[in-house]
Amino acid sequence: MTVWFNWTYRHRSRTSKINTMKIVHVISGCLIAVAAVAADLSTSQVFQMRLVLDKPSSDSEQMTLVQKWHDIYNKEIEKKEVLFVQKTALLNQTDLKSAEVSTNSPTFAPRIRIIFTDEGAKRLSDVTRQNIGKRLAIIIEGQIYSAPKIQTAITSGTAEIAGSFNAQEAREFVASINKTLQK
């Protein structure tokens, strides 16, 4: 690109040089915008916690929570629930210190254990204290995995996410979350 513009400067009149400069500024602006989008994509929010609203609003998006489990006859049951999730993330991966896979003792179902930073733990405590009785959507890689009702303030700085994922998926989600924490 630079060679072409240098060539243009040598072979054009003053007016053409000014027009060429305008083109350079437009192209530079476009390149900066593309770089910003690329940077945003590389640090996209892999993990988010957002409030579930009672009804649609301009600050919500419709998401479907899919819950799967097996009945006593080992038949897979699937339940879909449409939720209106606030667009604004209350917590994201920047509030996390680490993530790991854990299991539920009686069922050995995989869970994702989240350990929050000091600031993240404070924010989690504030969010849960201020929203008791509301649901908090847990979103991993743009997909809602759980939306539990907040029963009490979470002040311990850790949380466990149980959802419709198997052990392999839980390991992949944990790896994705931990990968973003290293950037």
Protein backbone atom coordinates (compact mmCIF):
# COMPACT_ATOMS: atom_id res chain seq x y z
CA MET A 1 0.00 0.00 0.00
CA THR A 2 2.77 2.46 0.86
CA VAL A 3 4.55 1.90 -2.45
CA TRP A 4 1.37 2.64 -4.41
CA PHE A 5 0.72 5.83 -2.44
CA ASN A 6 4.34 6.96 -2.87
CA TRP A 7 3.98 6.37 -6.61
CA THR A 8 0.76 8.41 -6.57
CA TYR A 9 2.48 11.34 -4.89
CA ARG A 10 5.21 11.48 -7.56
CA HIS A 11 2.86 11.36 -10.54
CA ARG A 12 -0.16 13.46 -9.51
CA SER A 13 -0.94 17.13 -9.27
CA ARG A 14 -1.40 19.00 -5.96
CA THR A 15 -5.20 18.44 -6.06
CA SER A 16 -4.68 14.74 -6.64
CA LYS A 17 -2.23 14.68 -3.74
CA ILE A 18 -4.87 16.19 -1.46
CA ASN A 19 -7.48 13.67 -2.66
CA THR A 20 -4.96 10.88 -2.20
CA MET A 21 -4.30 12.11 1.34
CA LYS A 22 -8.05 11.92 2.02
CA ILE A 23 -8.06 8.37 0.73
CA VAL A 24 -5.11 7.53 2.96
CA HIS A 25 -6.97 8.92 5.99
CA VAL A 26 -10.14 6.96 5.11
CA ILE A 27 -8.15 3.76 4.62
CA SER A 28 -6.24 4.38 7.86
CA GLY A 29 -9.53 4.89 9.68
CA CYS A 30 -10.88 1.65 8.23
CA LEU A 31 -7.75 -0.25 9.23
CA ILE A 32 -8.00 1.10 12.77
CA ALA A 33 -11.66 0.05 12.91
CA VAL A 34 -10.80 -3.44 11.62
CA ALA A 35 -7.98 -3.72 14.17
CA ALA A 36 -10.37 -2.69 16.95
CA VAL A 37 -12.91 -5.32 15.89
CA ALA A 38 -10.18 -7.96 15.66
CA ALA A 39 -8.91 -7.03 19.13
CA ASP A 40 -12.45 -7.18 20.49
CA LEU A 41 -12.98 -10.62 18.95
CA SER A 42 -9.74 -11.95 20.39
CA THR A 43 -10.76 -10.84 23.89
CA SER A 44 -14.48 -11.54 23.50
CA GLN A 45 -16.37 -12.19 26.65
CA VAL A 46 -16.19 -15.94 27.08
CA PHE A 47 -17.82 -15.84 30.52
CA GLN A 48 -20.61 -13.52 31.60
CA MET A 49 -23.16 -13.21 34.37
CA ARG A 50 -26.25 -11.18 33.43
CA LEU A 51 -29.64 -10.62 35.00
CA VAL A 52 -32.72 -12.31 33.61
CA LEU A 53 -35.55 -9.82 33.11
CA ASP A 54 -39.25 -10.57 33.56
CA LYS A 55 -40.19 -9.25 30.11
CA PRO A 56 -38.44 -8.09 26.93
CA SER A 57 -36.93 -4.62 26.86
CA SER A 58 -34.53 -2.59 24.73
CA ASP A 59 -31.78 -3.70 27.14
CA SER A 60 -32.47 -7.42 26.77
CA GLU A 61 -31.95 -10.18 24.27
CA GLN A 62 -33.89 -13.38 23.95
CA MET A 63 -31.89 -16.51 24.80
CA THR A 64 -32.95 -20.12 25.14
CA LEU A 65 -31.86 -22.13 28.13
CA VAL A 66 -31.74 -25.83 27.25
CA GLN A 67 -31.70 -28.21 30.17
CA LYS A 68 -31.08 -31.92 29.63
CA TRP A 69 -31.22 -34.78 32.07
CA HIS A 70 -32.03 -38.50 32.16
CA ASP A 71 -35.05 -39.97 33.90
CA ILE A 72 -35.00 -43.17 35.94
CA TYR A 73 -35.27 -45.21 32.71
CA ASN A 74 -32.20 -43.43 31.28
CA LYS A 75 -34.39 -41.61 28.75
CA GLU A 76 -33.00 -38.19 27.87
CA ILE A 77 -35.37 -35.36 28.67
CA GLU A 78 -34.88 -31.87 27.29
CA LYS A 79 -36.57 -28.72 28.50
CA LYS A 80 -36.26 -25.40 26.67
CA GLU A 81 -36.98 -22.10 28.37
CA VAL A 82 -36.97 -18.74 26.59
CA LEU A 83 -35.47 -16.01 28.76
CA PHE A 84 -35.01 -12.27 28.32
CA VAL A 85 -31.43 -11.67 29.37
CA GLN A 86 -30.06 -8.22 30.08
CA LYS A 87 -27.45 -7.22 27.46
CA THR A 88 -25.15 -5.68 30.05
CA ALA A 89 -22.81 -8.14 31.73
CA LEU A 90 -22.61 -7.64 35.49
CA LEU A 91 -19.54 -9.88 35.73
CA ASN A 92 -17.24 -11.32 33.06
CA GLN A 93 -13.96 -13.22 32.78
CA THR A 94 -11.97 -10.18 33.95
CA ASP A 95 -13.54 -10.78 37.37
CA LEU A 96 -12.25 -14.35 37.49
CA LYS A 97 -9.05 -15.70 38.96
CA SER A 98 -9.48 -19.26 37.68
CA ALA A 99 -11.91 -21.95 36.69
CA GLU A 100 -11.79 -25.70 37.30
CA VAL A 101 -13.97 -28.76 36.86
CA SER A 102 -15.47 -30.23 39.99
CA THR A 103 -18.12 -32.90 40.57
CA ASN A 104 -21.30 -33.12 42.57
CA SER A 105 -20.80 -35.74 45.29
CA PRO A 106 -24.06 -37.71 45.06
CA THR A 107 -24.42 -37.72 41.25
CA PHE A 108 -20.83 -37.12 40.11
CA ALA A 109 -22.24 -34.64 37.58
CA PRO A 110 -19.60 -32.23 36.32
CA ARG A 111 -19.66 -28.66 37.55
CA ILE A 112 -17.58 -25.63 36.78
CA ARG A 113 -16.05 -24.06 39.86
CA ILE A 114 -15.24 -20.37 39.46
CA ILE A 115 -12.81 -18.57 41.73
CA PHE A 116 -13.15 -14.80 41.58
CA THR A 117 -10.50 -12.12 41.96
CA ASP A 118 -10.79 -9.91 45.04
CA GLU A 119 -12.56 -7.24 42.94
CA GLY A 120 -14.71 -9.89 41.24
CA ALA A 121 -15.69 -11.39 44.60
CA LYS A 122 -16.77 -7.95 45.80
CA ARG A 123 -18.80 -7.39 42.63
CA LEU A 124 -20.39 -10.86 42.89
CA SER A 125 -21.31 -10.15 46.50
CA ASP A 126 -22.84 -6.77 45.54
CA VAL A 127 -24.72 -8.19 42.53
CA THR A 128 -26.18 -11.11 44.46
CA ARG A 129 -27.02 -8.99 47.53
CA GLN A 130 -28.84 -6.39 45.39
CA ASN A 131 -30.74 -8.96 43.30
CA ILE A 132 -32.02 -11.56 45.75
CA GLY A 133 -35.07 -13.28 44.25
CA LYS A 134 -33.99 -12.54 40.66
CA ARG A 135 -32.34 -14.94 38.25
CA LEU A 136 -28.72 -14.61 37.16
CA ALA A 137 -27.89 -15.99 33.72
CA ILE A 138 -24.53 -17.71 33.38
CA ILE A 139 -23.30 -17.46 29.81
CA ILE A 140 -20.27 -19.30 28.45
CA GLU A 141 -19.11 -18.59 24.89
CA GLY A 142 -22.40 -16.87 24.08
CA GLN A 143 -24.58 -19.76 25.24
CA ILE A 144 -26.69 -19.67 28.38
CA TYR A 145 -25.98 -22.66 30.62
CA SER A 146 -27.78 -21.87 33.79
CA ALA A 147 -30.03 -19.21 35.26
CA PRO A 148 -30.43 -19.89 38.96
CA LYS A 149 -32.55 -17.78 41.26
CA ILE A 150 -30.40 -15.78 43.67
CA GLN A 151 -31.31 -17.04 47.14
CA THR A 152 -28.71 -15.16 49.16
CA ALA A 153 -25.62 -13.01 48.74
CA ILE A 154 -22.57 -14.98 47.61
CA THR A 155 -19.73 -13.63 49.70
CA SER A 156 -17.25 -16.53 49.55
CA GLY A 157 -15.60 -15.47 46.27
CA THR A 158 -16.36 -18.82 44.62
CA ALA A 159 -19.31 -20.17 42.67
CA GLU A 160 -20.22 -23.49 41.08
CA ILE A 161 -22.09 -23.76 37.81
CA ALA A 162 -24.17 -26.82 37.17
CA GLY A 163 -25.63 -27.11 33.73
CA SER A 164 -26.47 -29.34 30.82
CA PHE A 165 -22.92 -30.26 29.93
CA ASN A 166 -20.94 -33.47 30.14
CA ALA A 167 -17.44 -33.84 31.61
CA GLN A 168 -15.69 -33.20 28.27
CA GLU A 169 -17.73 -30.03 27.64
CA ALA A 170 -17.03 -28.84 31.18
CA ARG A 171 -13.27 -29.31 30.61
CA GLU A 172 -13.51 -27.41 27.29
CA PHE A 173 -15.40 -24.51 28.90
CA VAL A 174 -12.90 -24.34 31.75
CA ALA A 175 -10.04 -24.35 29.24
CA SER A 176 -11.71 -21.51 27.27
CA ILE A 177 -12.25 -19.45 30.40
CA ASN A 178 -8.72 -20.02 31.70
CA LYS A 179 -7.25 -19.24 28.26
CA THR A 180 -8.86 -15.77 28.29
CA LEU A 181 -7.50 -15.18 31.79
CA GLN A 182 -3.93 -15.57 30.50
CA LYS A 183 -4.24 -12.69 27.98
